[in-house]
Amino acid sequence: MSPTDSLVRPAVRWSLGHALPSTVMRNAARHGDLQGRLVDRRVAHDHVALRAIADEVRASGPLHHARYALMTAHQPVVREVLTSNDFRTGVFDAGDQGVLGRLGTWAADPRAFGPLSPPSLLVTEPPQHTRYRKLVTRVFSVRAVEGLRERTQQVADELLDDLEERARPGDGPVDLVERYCALLPVTVIAEILGVPPEERDRVLAFGAAAAPSLDLGLGYAEFRRVERALAGFRTWLARHLASLRERPGDDLMSQLVAAREDGVGLSDAELEATAGLVLAAGFETTVNLLSNGIVLLAEHPDELARLRADPALWSTAVDEVLRVDPPVLLTGRVARRDTEVAGVPVRRGSVVTCLLAGANRDPAVFADPDRFDVGRANARDHVSFSAGRHYCLGAALARMEGEVGLRTLLDRFPDLVLEPGAQRRPTRILRGWEALPARLGR
């Protein structure tokens, strides 16, 4: 690649993936378009504004015709789109010969690495996806995740021991995101990946830097920081995988390196992509789940009292947190062929935006959908982990970490009080808290 190309291609990648969509959506929002309004930074975390848009989308029928896409906030329609073989992930495919498709192909970095770059499970389709997912799911099973529960509990206890020791009387509030919500999942992920203890700070830095790769509308400087962080993680990961092959441990990544189906295992690129997905998506989902859960329970002390009276409700409570304040606002699919959704014709190439946060409050599925209810019988019917073949690989892990993390924190510090100064993350699609100042009350 020439020096000029090395400067221009990243700028084109950023323009196509972030600058152009953001500009288009801002322009659409100025004309009242619901999708444009939806991804406005001020709306993405404003529950009242978000509910109003979701209700308007839902009221217009199974599929709302926005300016640049179809939209739905009906839970059954979201499930239909996400489970249909008539739709694929991604924006451009190899056969796209339009101007933007050709630009995307030209600007693509063959060394690209991240949760939204092939061969990540998020953007592969059958038959590759079927073989690949089968191997990964065999290792990252519900049973395997439950095997991590005891260690996750130990990590949570150790983090809270440290938090309690450092939070002395008279000191200012502690930031729960920085000191707990971020450290718990990244420590567990590091152990899943078989990362030696002395290298875990590096993995934490990679995770924090790579997580924004899942969002929309990054500025150019941040986009380049994310690309460099992912490239650095890939370089480190290649050495790490070689080490696991020579000296496998009892971690899940060592098991994945050894996994075979009909004598065939995952390629180096697939192993690297899986590790990158576990790091970025696993870190992202759980940090946001924990921080959103802390805020919801602080805002609903009666529901927290129910959990203390009946700890068996914790599993349901985690799903209710995921339903009411999901870590991801929306997802999208592209029609692979002319088809129908809920009886509405959809042309090949059409984009369907699935408003996950809106589907989670569909009154046809969830009674009194705006009420936070830790005992809700069908809380698990939310679509916060997507659905179909792209259902979140780490769903069981996130649920387990959410349950252990929230219960342990609130049992240890029953008088915990959130202080002024909480800040939502500036991201559009990813939903969580950047800072949660709190006093532990002990």
Protein backbone atom coordinates (compact mmCIF):
# COMPACT_ATOMS: atom_id res chain seq x y z
CA MET A 1 0.00 0.00 0.00
CA SER A 2 1.39 3.42 -0.96
CA PRO A 3 1.84 6.15 1.66
CA THR A 4 -1.05 8.04 0.08
CA ASP A 5 -3.32 5.01 0.26
CA SER A 6 -2.37 4.44 3.89
CA LEU A 7 -3.73 7.91 4.65
CA VAL A 8 -6.72 7.97 2.31
CA ARG A 9 -8.15 4.50 2.89
CA PRO A 10 -8.68 4.93 6.64
CA ALA A 11 -10.39 8.26 5.93
CA VAL A 12 -12.70 6.54 3.44
CA ARG A 13 -13.46 3.73 5.91
CA TRP A 14 -14.34 6.30 8.56
CA SER A 15 -16.42 8.33 6.11
CA LEU A 16 -18.45 5.32 5.00
CA GLY A 17 -18.86 3.81 8.45
CA HIS A 18 -19.30 6.90 10.61
CA ALA A 19 -19.20 10.36 9.01
CA LEU A 20 -21.63 9.67 6.15
CA PRO A 21 -24.25 7.81 8.26
CA SER A 22 -24.08 10.48 10.97
CA THR A 23 -24.47 13.30 8.46
CA VAL A 24 -27.34 11.54 6.70
CA MET A 25 -29.13 10.84 9.98
CA ARG A 26 -28.69 14.41 11.24
CA ASN A 27 -30.16 15.73 8.02
CA ALA A 28 -33.04 13.25 8.23
CA ALA A 29 -33.70 14.25 11.86
CA ARG A 30 -34.00 17.91 10.85
CA HIS A 31 -36.84 16.84 8.55
CA GLY A 32 -38.58 14.94 11.34
CA ASP A 33 -37.52 11.46 10.23
CA LEU A 34 -37.95 9.00 13.11
CA GLN A 35 -34.77 7.05 12.41
CA GLY A 36 -32.74 10.24 12.25
CA ARG A 37 -34.21 11.40 15.55
CA LEU A 38 -33.61 7.99 17.08
CA VAL A 39 -29.81 8.04 16.74
CA ASP A 40 -29.44 11.61 17.98
CA ARG A 41 -27.09 11.48 20.98
CA ARG A 42 -29.58 13.41 23.11
CA VAL A 43 -32.36 10.92 22.39
CA ALA A 44 -30.49 7.60 22.63
CA HIS A 45 -30.37 7.77 26.45
CA ASP A 46 -33.50 9.84 27.07
CA HIS A 47 -36.07 7.22 28.07
CA VAL A 48 -39.04 9.53 27.61
CA ALA A 49 -37.99 10.67 24.13
CA LEU A 50 -37.03 7.13 23.14
CA ARG A 51 -40.38 5.72 24.25
CA ALA A 52 -42.20 8.41 22.27
CA ILE A 53 -40.30 7.53 19.07
CA ALA A 54 -40.79 3.79 19.60
CA ASP A 55 -44.51 4.32 20.15
CA GLU A 56 -44.73 6.37 16.97
CA VAL A 57 -42.85 3.71 14.99
CA ARG A 58 -45.09 0.99 16.41
CA ALA A 59 -48.29 2.95 15.70
CA SER A 60 -47.42 3.24 12.00
CA GLY A 61 -47.73 -0.54 11.49
CA PRO A 62 -45.48 -3.61 11.41
CA LEU A 63 -42.83 -1.75 9.41
CA HIS A 64 -42.40 2.01 9.47
CA HIS A 65 -41.06 3.54 6.23
CA ALA A 66 -38.35 5.93 7.35
CA ARG A 67 -36.35 8.01 4.91
CA TYR A 68 -33.48 5.57 4.46
CA ALA A 69 -34.72 2.33 5.99
CA LEU A 70 -37.65 0.37 7.29
CA MET A 71 -38.07 0.33 11.07
CA THR A 72 -39.92 -1.80 13.58
CA ALA A 73 -40.50 -1.67 17.34
CA HIS A 74 -42.90 -4.63 17.40
CA GLN A 75 -41.28 -7.48 19.30
CA PRO A 76 -42.71 -10.30 17.09
CA VAL A 77 -41.64 -8.46 13.92
CA VAL A 78 -38.13 -7.87 15.31
CA ARG A 79 -37.88 -11.61 16.01
CA GLU A 80 -39.15 -12.43 12.51
CA VAL A 81 -36.49 -10.25 10.87
CA LEU A 82 -33.65 -11.45 13.10
CA THR A 83 -34.47 -15.13 12.58
CA SER A 84 -35.23 -14.98 8.85
CA ASN A 85 -32.86 -16.42 6.27
CA ASP A 86 -34.07 -13.69 3.90
CA PHE A 87 -31.91 -11.16 5.77
CA ARG A 88 -28.20 -10.79 6.36
CA THR A 89 -25.95 -8.70 8.57
CA GLY A 90 -23.60 -6.01 7.29
CA VAL A 91 -24.11 -3.09 4.94
CA PHE A 92 -22.09 -3.99 1.84
CA ASP A 93 -21.58 -7.44 0.41
CA ALA A 94 -19.12 -8.75 -2.14
CA GLY A 95 -21.66 -8.39 -4.94
CA ASP A 96 -22.44 -4.73 -4.25
CA GLN A 97 -21.27 -2.85 -7.35
CA GLY A 98 -22.70 0.56 -6.42
CA VAL A 99 -20.42 3.53 -5.84
CA LEU A 100 -20.41 3.08 -2.07
CA GLY A 101 -19.90 -0.67 -2.41
CA ARG A 102 -16.89 -0.19 -4.68
CA LEU A 103 -15.47 2.46 -2.37
CA GLY A 104 -15.94 0.17 0.61
CA THR A 105 -14.18 -2.69 -1.19
CA TRP A 106 -11.28 -0.44 -2.22
CA ALA A 107 -10.84 1.08 1.25
CA ALA A 108 -11.15 -2.18 3.17
CA ASP A 109 -8.06 -3.13 5.14
CA PRO A 110 -7.26 -6.82 4.45
CA ARG A 111 -5.73 -6.91 7.95
CA ALA A 112 -8.89 -5.41 9.49
CA PHE A 113 -9.75 -6.90 12.83
CA GLY A 114 -12.73 -6.34 15.09
CA PRO A 115 -16.22 -7.51 16.03
CA LEU A 116 -17.66 -6.02 12.83
CA SER A 117 -14.97 -7.32 10.46
CA PRO A 118 -15.06 -10.76 8.80
CA PRO A 119 -14.72 -13.49 9.90
CA SER A 120 -16.39 -12.29 13.12
CA LEU A 121 -19.52 -14.28 13.92
CA LEU A 122 -21.46 -11.00 13.90
CA VAL A 123 -20.96 -10.55 10.16
CA THR A 124 -20.64 -14.07 8.73
CA GLU A 125 -23.55 -15.98 7.24
CA PRO A 126 -24.27 -19.66 6.47
CA PRO A 127 -22.70 -21.98 5.55
CA GLN A 128 -19.50 -20.54 7.08
CA HIS A 129 -21.41 -19.22 10.09
CA THR A 130 -23.09 -22.58 10.78
CA ARG A 131 -19.83 -24.54 11.03
CA TYR A 132 -18.07 -21.76 12.90
CA ARG A 133 -20.83 -21.13 15.44
CA LYS A 134 -21.26 -24.84 16.15
CA LEU A 135 -17.64 -25.14 17.24
CA VAL A 136 -17.68 -21.96 19.30
CA THR A 137 -21.00 -22.76 20.99
CA ARG A 138 -19.74 -26.20 21.99
CA VAL A 139 -16.98 -24.53 24.02
CA PHE A 140 -18.90 -21.46 25.24
CA SER A 141 -21.82 -23.54 26.49
CA VAL A 142 -24.22 -22.65 29.29
CA ARG A 143 -22.62 -25.41 31.37
CA ALA A 144 -19.14 -23.97 30.78
CA VAL A 145 -20.33 -20.51 31.81
CA GLU A 146 -21.90 -21.87 34.99
CA GLY A 147 -18.51 -23.40 35.73
CA LEU A 148 -17.17 -19.83 35.87
CA ARG A 149 -19.74 -18.69 38.45
CA GLU A 150 -17.60 -19.52 41.48
CA ARG A 151 -14.60 -17.70 40.04
CA THR A 152 -16.77 -14.70 39.07
CA GLN A 153 -18.04 -14.57 42.65
CA GLN A 154 -14.45 -14.62 43.90
CA VAL A 155 -13.47 -11.78 41.53
CA ALA A 156 -16.47 -9.70 42.63
CA ASP A 157 -15.61 -10.23 46.31
CA GLU A 158 -11.98 -9.26 45.74
CA LEU A 159 -12.93 -6.09 43.85
CA LEU A 160 -15.34 -5.05 46.60
CA ASP A 161 -12.75 -5.82 49.28
CA ASP A 162 -10.42 -3.41 47.50
CA LEU A 163 -13.20 -0.86 47.06
CA GLU A 164 -14.08 -0.99 50.76
CA GLU A 165 -10.46 -0.70 51.81
CA ARG A 166 -9.86 2.36 49.66
CA ALA A 167 -13.16 4.12 50.45
CA ARG A 168 -12.28 5.56 53.84
CA PRO A 169 -14.61 7.80 55.88
CA GLY A 170 -14.34 11.39 54.73
CA ASP A 171 -13.15 10.46 51.25
CA GLY A 172 -15.16 11.51 48.22
CA PRO A 173 -17.46 9.21 46.24
CA VAL A 174 -16.06 6.27 44.28
CA ASP A 175 -16.79 5.73 40.58
CA LEU A 176 -18.50 2.35 40.37
CA VAL A 177 -17.98 2.08 36.61
CA GLU A 178 -14.23 2.56 36.79
CA ARG A 179 -13.65 0.59 39.98
CA TYR A 180 -16.15 -2.26 39.62
CA CYS A 181 -18.41 -2.47 36.54
CA ALA A 182 -15.48 -2.43 34.10
CA LEU A 183 -13.05 -4.53 36.14
CA LEU A 184 -15.37 -7.48 36.83
CA PRO A 185 -16.10 -8.50 33.22
CA VAL A 186 -12.62 -7.82 31.89
CA THR A 187 -11.07 -9.97 34.62
CA VAL A 188 -13.42 -12.83 33.77
CA ILE A 189 -12.81 -12.38 30.04
CA ALA A 190 -9.06 -12.43 30.59
CA GLU A 191 -9.41 -15.78 32.33
CA ILE A 192 -11.65 -17.13 29.55
CA LEU A 193 -8.95 -16.15 27.06
CA GLY A 194 -6.21 -17.70 29.20
CA VAL A 195 -4.42 -14.38 29.69
CA PRO A 196 -1.59 -14.53 32.26
CA PRO A 197 -2.21 -12.26 35.29
CA GLU A 198 0.72 -10.02 34.41
CA GLU A 199 -0.87 -9.19 31.03
CA ARG A 200 -4.41 -8.43 32.23
CA ASP A 201 -3.91 -4.67 32.46
CA ARG A 202 -3.04 -4.75 28.78
CA VAL A 203 -6.23 -6.67 27.98
CA LEU A 204 -8.27 -4.16 30.00
CA ALA A 205 -6.77 -1.36 27.92
CA PHE A 206 -7.51 -3.25 24.69
CA GLY A 207 -11.09 -3.91 25.80
CA ALA A 208 -11.78 -0.29 26.75
CA ALA A 209 -10.28 0.95 23.47
CA ALA A 210 -11.96 -1.62 21.22
CA ALA A 211 -15.49 -1.48 22.63
CA PRO A 212 -16.50 1.71 20.70
CA SER A 213 -15.95 -0.23 17.45
CA LEU A 214 -19.53 -1.47 17.91
CA ASP A 215 -20.97 2.04 17.82
CA LEU A 216 -22.01 4.57 15.17
CA GLY A 217 -20.75 8.10 14.61
CA LEU A 218 -17.22 7.98 15.99
CA GLY A 219 -15.05 11.01 15.36
CA TYR A 220 -12.04 10.40 13.11
CA ALA A 221 -9.47 10.56 15.91
CA GLU A 222 -11.41 8.04 18.01
CA PHE A 223 -11.99 5.81 14.98
CA ARG A 224 -8.25 5.65 14.34
CA ARG A 225 -7.53 4.98 18.03
CA VAL A 226 -9.97 2.06 17.88
CA GLU A 227 -8.35 0.67 14.71
CA ARG A 228 -4.89 0.94 16.25
CA ALA A 229 -6.06 -0.69 19.49
CA LEU A 230 -7.60 -3.59 17.58
CA ALA A 231 -4.46 -3.99 15.48
CA GLY A 232 -2.37 -4.05 18.67
CA PHE A 233 -4.67 -6.62 20.22
CA ARG A 234 -4.42 -8.80 17.11
CA THR A 235 -0.61 -8.70 17.21
CA TRP A 236 -0.64 -9.65 20.89
CA LEU A 237 -3.30 -12.30 20.26
CA ALA A 238 -1.28 -14.06 17.55
CA ARG A 239 1.52 -14.61 20.06
CA HIS A 240 -0.93 -15.62 22.76
CA LEU A 241 -2.65 -18.25 20.56
CA ALA A 242 0.73 -19.69 19.62
CA SER A 243 1.51 -19.98 23.33
CA LEU A 244 -1.81 -21.73 24.01
CA ARG A 245 -1.07 -24.28 21.30
CA GLU A 246 2.28 -25.08 22.89
CA ARG A 247 1.05 -24.98 26.48
CA PRO A 248 -2.74 -25.28 26.61
CA GLY A 249 -4.47 -24.49 29.87
CA ASP A 250 -7.91 -25.30 31.21
CA ASP A 251 -9.36 -22.00 29.96
CA LEU A 252 -12.09 -21.85 27.29
CA MET A 253 -9.77 -20.37 24.65
CA SER A 254 -7.42 -23.34 24.93
CA GLN A 255 -10.43 -25.61 24.44
CA LEU A 256 -11.49 -23.61 21.38
CA VAL A 257 -8.01 -23.89 19.86
CA ALA A 258 -8.28 -27.68 20.21
CA ALA A 259 -11.94 -27.99 19.11
CA ARG A 260 -12.63 -30.01 15.95
CA GLU A 261 -15.69 -30.85 13.85
CA ASP A 262 -15.11 -33.77 11.46
CA GLY A 263 -11.40 -33.27 12.06
CA VAL A 264 -11.46 -29.57 11.12
CA GLY A 265 -10.89 -26.79 13.63
CA LEU A 266 -11.12 -23.03 13.45
CA SER A 267 -8.61 -21.12 11.34
CA ASP A 268 -6.23 -18.63 12.94
CA ALA A 269 -8.38 -15.78 11.62
CA GLU A 270 -11.52 -17.33 13.13
CA LEU A 271 -9.83 -17.89 16.48
CA GLU A 272 -8.58 -14.31 16.51
CA ALA A 273 -12.01 -12.99 15.52
CA THR A 274 -13.71 -15.00 18.27
CA ALA A 275 -11.29 -13.68 20.88
CA GLY A 276 -11.84 -10.13 19.62
CA LEU A 277 -15.60 -10.58 19.79
CA VAL A 278 -15.42 -12.02 23.31
CA LEU A 279 -13.28 -9.07 24.38
CA ALA A 280 -15.20 -6.19 22.77
CA ALA A 281 -18.78 -7.47 22.95
CA GLY A 282 -18.38 -9.29 26.26
CA PHE A 283 -16.77 -6.29 27.90
CA GLU A 284 -19.31 -3.88 26.41
CA THR A 285 -22.48 -5.77 27.21
CA THR A 286 -21.64 -6.55 30.82
CA VAL A 287 -20.23 -3.14 31.78
CA ASN A 288 -23.45 -1.56 30.54
CA LEU A 289 -25.66 -4.24 32.11
CA LEU A 290 -24.05 -3.71 35.52
CA SER A 291 -24.16 0.09 35.42
CA ASN A 292 -27.73 0.19 34.08
CA GLY A 293 -28.81 -2.30 36.75
CA ILE A 294 -27.25 -0.29 39.57
CA VAL A 295 -29.13 2.83 38.47
CA LEU A 296 -32.46 1.06 37.97
CA LEU A 297 -32.31 -0.57 41.38
CA ALA A 298 -31.29 2.70 43.01
CA GLU A 299 -34.29 4.35 41.36
CA HIS A 300 -36.64 1.55 42.46
CA PRO A 301 -35.89 0.81 46.14
CA ASP A 302 -39.11 -1.21 46.50
CA GLU A 303 -37.90 -3.61 43.80
CA LEU A 304 -34.52 -3.89 45.49
CA ALA A 305 -36.33 -4.72 48.75
CA ARG A 306 -38.17 -7.52 46.89
CA LEU A 307 -34.82 -8.98 45.83
CA ARG A 308 -33.47 -8.86 49.35
CA ALA A 309 -36.58 -10.60 50.62
CA ASP A 310 -36.49 -13.21 47.84
CA PRO A 311 -32.99 -13.67 46.32
CA ALA A 312 -34.42 -16.30 43.94
CA LEU A 313 -35.71 -13.35 41.89
CA TRP A 314 -32.20 -12.19 40.94
CA SER A 315 -32.11 -14.16 37.69
CA THR A 316 -35.39 -12.59 36.56
CA ALA A 317 -34.23 -9.17 37.74
CA VAL A 318 -31.21 -9.29 35.43
CA ASP A 319 -33.46 -9.99 32.45
CA GLU A 320 -35.75 -7.15 33.53
CA VAL A 321 -32.74 -4.80 33.58
CA LEU A 322 -31.88 -6.00 30.07
CA ARG A 323 -35.47 -5.40 28.97
CA VAL A 324 -35.94 -1.94 30.46
CA ASP A 325 -32.51 -0.47 29.70
CA PRO A 326 -30.77 -2.69 27.11
CA PRO A 327 -27.01 -2.32 26.50
CA VAL A 328 -27.65 -1.99 22.74
CA LEU A 329 -30.28 0.35 21.30
CA LEU A 330 -30.86 -1.24 17.91
CA THR A 331 -29.56 -3.56 15.24
CA GLY A 332 -30.11 -3.82 11.49
CA ARG A 333 -30.48 -6.36 8.72
CA VAL A 334 -30.40 -6.17 4.92
CA ALA A 335 -32.85 -8.07 2.71
CA ARG A 336 -31.00 -10.66 0.61
CA ARG A 337 -33.95 -11.06 -1.76
CA ASP A 338 -37.46 -9.72 -2.28
CA THR A 339 -39.49 -10.97 0.67
CA GLU A 340 -42.28 -10.17 3.11
CA VAL A 341 -42.23 -9.28 6.80
CA ALA A 342 -45.50 -9.40 8.74
CA GLY A 343 -47.28 -9.31 5.38
CA VAL A 344 -45.42 -6.18 4.21
CA PRO A 345 -43.36 -6.47 0.97
CA VAL A 346 -39.63 -5.79 1.46
CA ARG A 347 -37.40 -5.30 -1.58
CA ARG A 348 -33.95 -6.84 -1.96
CA GLY A 349 -31.29 -4.54 -0.50
CA SER A 350 -33.71 -2.80 1.87
CA VAL A 351 -32.39 -2.10 5.36
CA VAL A 352 -34.62 -2.99 8.30
CA THR A 353 -33.73 -1.30 11.59
CA CYS A 354 -34.85 -3.35 14.59
CA LEU A 355 -35.38 -1.06 17.56
CA LEU A 356 -34.48 -3.46 20.37
CA ALA A 357 -35.24 -0.97 23.13
CA GLY A 358 -38.68 -0.35 21.61
CA ALA A 359 -39.46 -4.04 21.07
CA ASN A 360 -38.64 -4.64 24.74
CA ARG A 361 -41.50 -2.32 25.67
CA ASP A 362 -44.04 -3.64 23.19
CA PRO A 363 -47.34 -3.49 25.13
CA ALA A 364 -48.68 -6.43 23.12
CA VAL A 365 -46.00 -8.62 24.75
CA PHE A 366 -45.19 -6.94 28.08
CA ALA A 367 -48.01 -5.81 30.38
CA ASP A 368 -47.44 -2.29 31.74
CA PRO A 369 -44.18 -2.23 29.74
CA ASP A 370 -42.70 0.91 31.30
CA ARG A 371 -42.83 -0.55 34.81
CA PHE A 372 -39.62 -2.05 36.21
CA ASP A 373 -40.69 -5.36 37.77
CA VAL A 374 -38.01 -7.75 39.09
CA GLY A 375 -40.58 -10.55 39.21
CA ARG A 376 -41.95 -10.10 35.68
CA ALA A 377 -42.96 -13.56 34.46
CA ASN A 378 -41.89 -13.01 30.84
CA ALA A 379 -38.91 -10.70 31.36
CA ARG A 380 -36.76 -13.15 29.40
CA ASP A 381 -38.79 -12.47 26.24
CA HIS A 382 -36.72 -9.35 25.61
CA VAL A 383 -34.59 -9.14 22.45
CA SER A 384 -31.58 -7.38 23.98
CA PHE A 385 -29.33 -10.27 22.92
CA SER A 386 -30.78 -10.29 19.37
CA ALA A 387 -32.29 -13.55 18.07
CA GLY A 388 -31.75 -16.29 15.52
CA ARG A 389 -28.34 -17.35 14.28
CA HIS A 390 -26.75 -14.12 15.51
CA TYR A 391 -28.09 -14.46 19.05
CA CYS A 392 -25.42 -13.15 21.40
CA LEU A 393 -22.71 -15.74 21.99
CA GLY A 394 -22.07 -14.32 25.45
CA ALA A 395 -25.70 -14.11 26.64
CA ALA A 396 -25.31 -16.78 29.33
CA LEU A 397 -22.04 -15.21 30.48
CA ALA A 398 -23.55 -11.71 30.66
CA ARG A 399 -26.56 -12.96 32.62
CA MET A 400 -24.35 -14.81 35.09
CA GLU A 401 -21.98 -11.86 35.55
CA GLY A 402 -24.92 -9.48 35.88
CA GLU A 403 -26.52 -11.59 38.59
CA VAL A 404 -23.31 -12.16 40.56
CA GLY A 405 -22.07 -8.60 40.07
CA LEU A 406 -25.26 -6.78 41.08
CA ARG A 407 -26.23 -9.09 43.93
CA THR A 408 -22.75 -9.05 45.48
CA LEU A 409 -22.39 -5.27 45.29
CA LEU A 410 -25.81 -4.53 46.79
CA ASP A 411 -25.52 -7.23 49.47
CA ARG A 412 -22.12 -5.93 50.54
CA PHE A 413 -23.21 -2.28 50.55
CA PRO A 414 -26.94 -2.19 51.38
CA ASP A 415 -26.74 1.55 52.11
CA LEU A 416 -25.03 2.43 48.80
CA VAL A 417 -26.18 5.83 47.52
CA LEU A 418 -25.55 7.25 44.04
CA GLU A 419 -24.19 10.78 44.13
CA PRO A 420 -24.74 13.65 41.67
CA GLY A 421 -22.43 13.63 38.68
CA ALA A 422 -23.44 10.37 36.96
CA GLN A 423 -22.69 10.56 33.25
CA ARG A 424 -24.17 8.54 30.41
CA ARG A 425 -21.76 7.32 27.77
CA PRO A 426 -21.73 9.57 24.68
CA THR A 427 -22.27 6.62 22.34
CA ARG A 428 -25.43 6.34 20.24
CA ILE A 429 -26.04 2.61 19.84
CA LEU A 430 -24.34 1.41 23.03
CA ARG A 431 -26.22 2.28 26.20
CA GLY A 432 -24.60 2.53 29.58
CA TRP A 433 -22.95 4.81 32.10
CA GLU A 434 -19.50 6.34 31.80
CA ALA A 435 -19.35 7.40 35.44
CA LEU A 436 -21.41 6.46 38.51
CA PRO A 437 -20.17 8.32 41.61
CA ALA A 438 -21.42 6.62 44.78
CA ARG A 439 -20.99 6.53 48.52
CA LEU A 440 -20.84 3.02 49.90
CA GLY A 441 -22.61 3.86 53.13
CA ARG A 442 -20.23 1.97 55.42
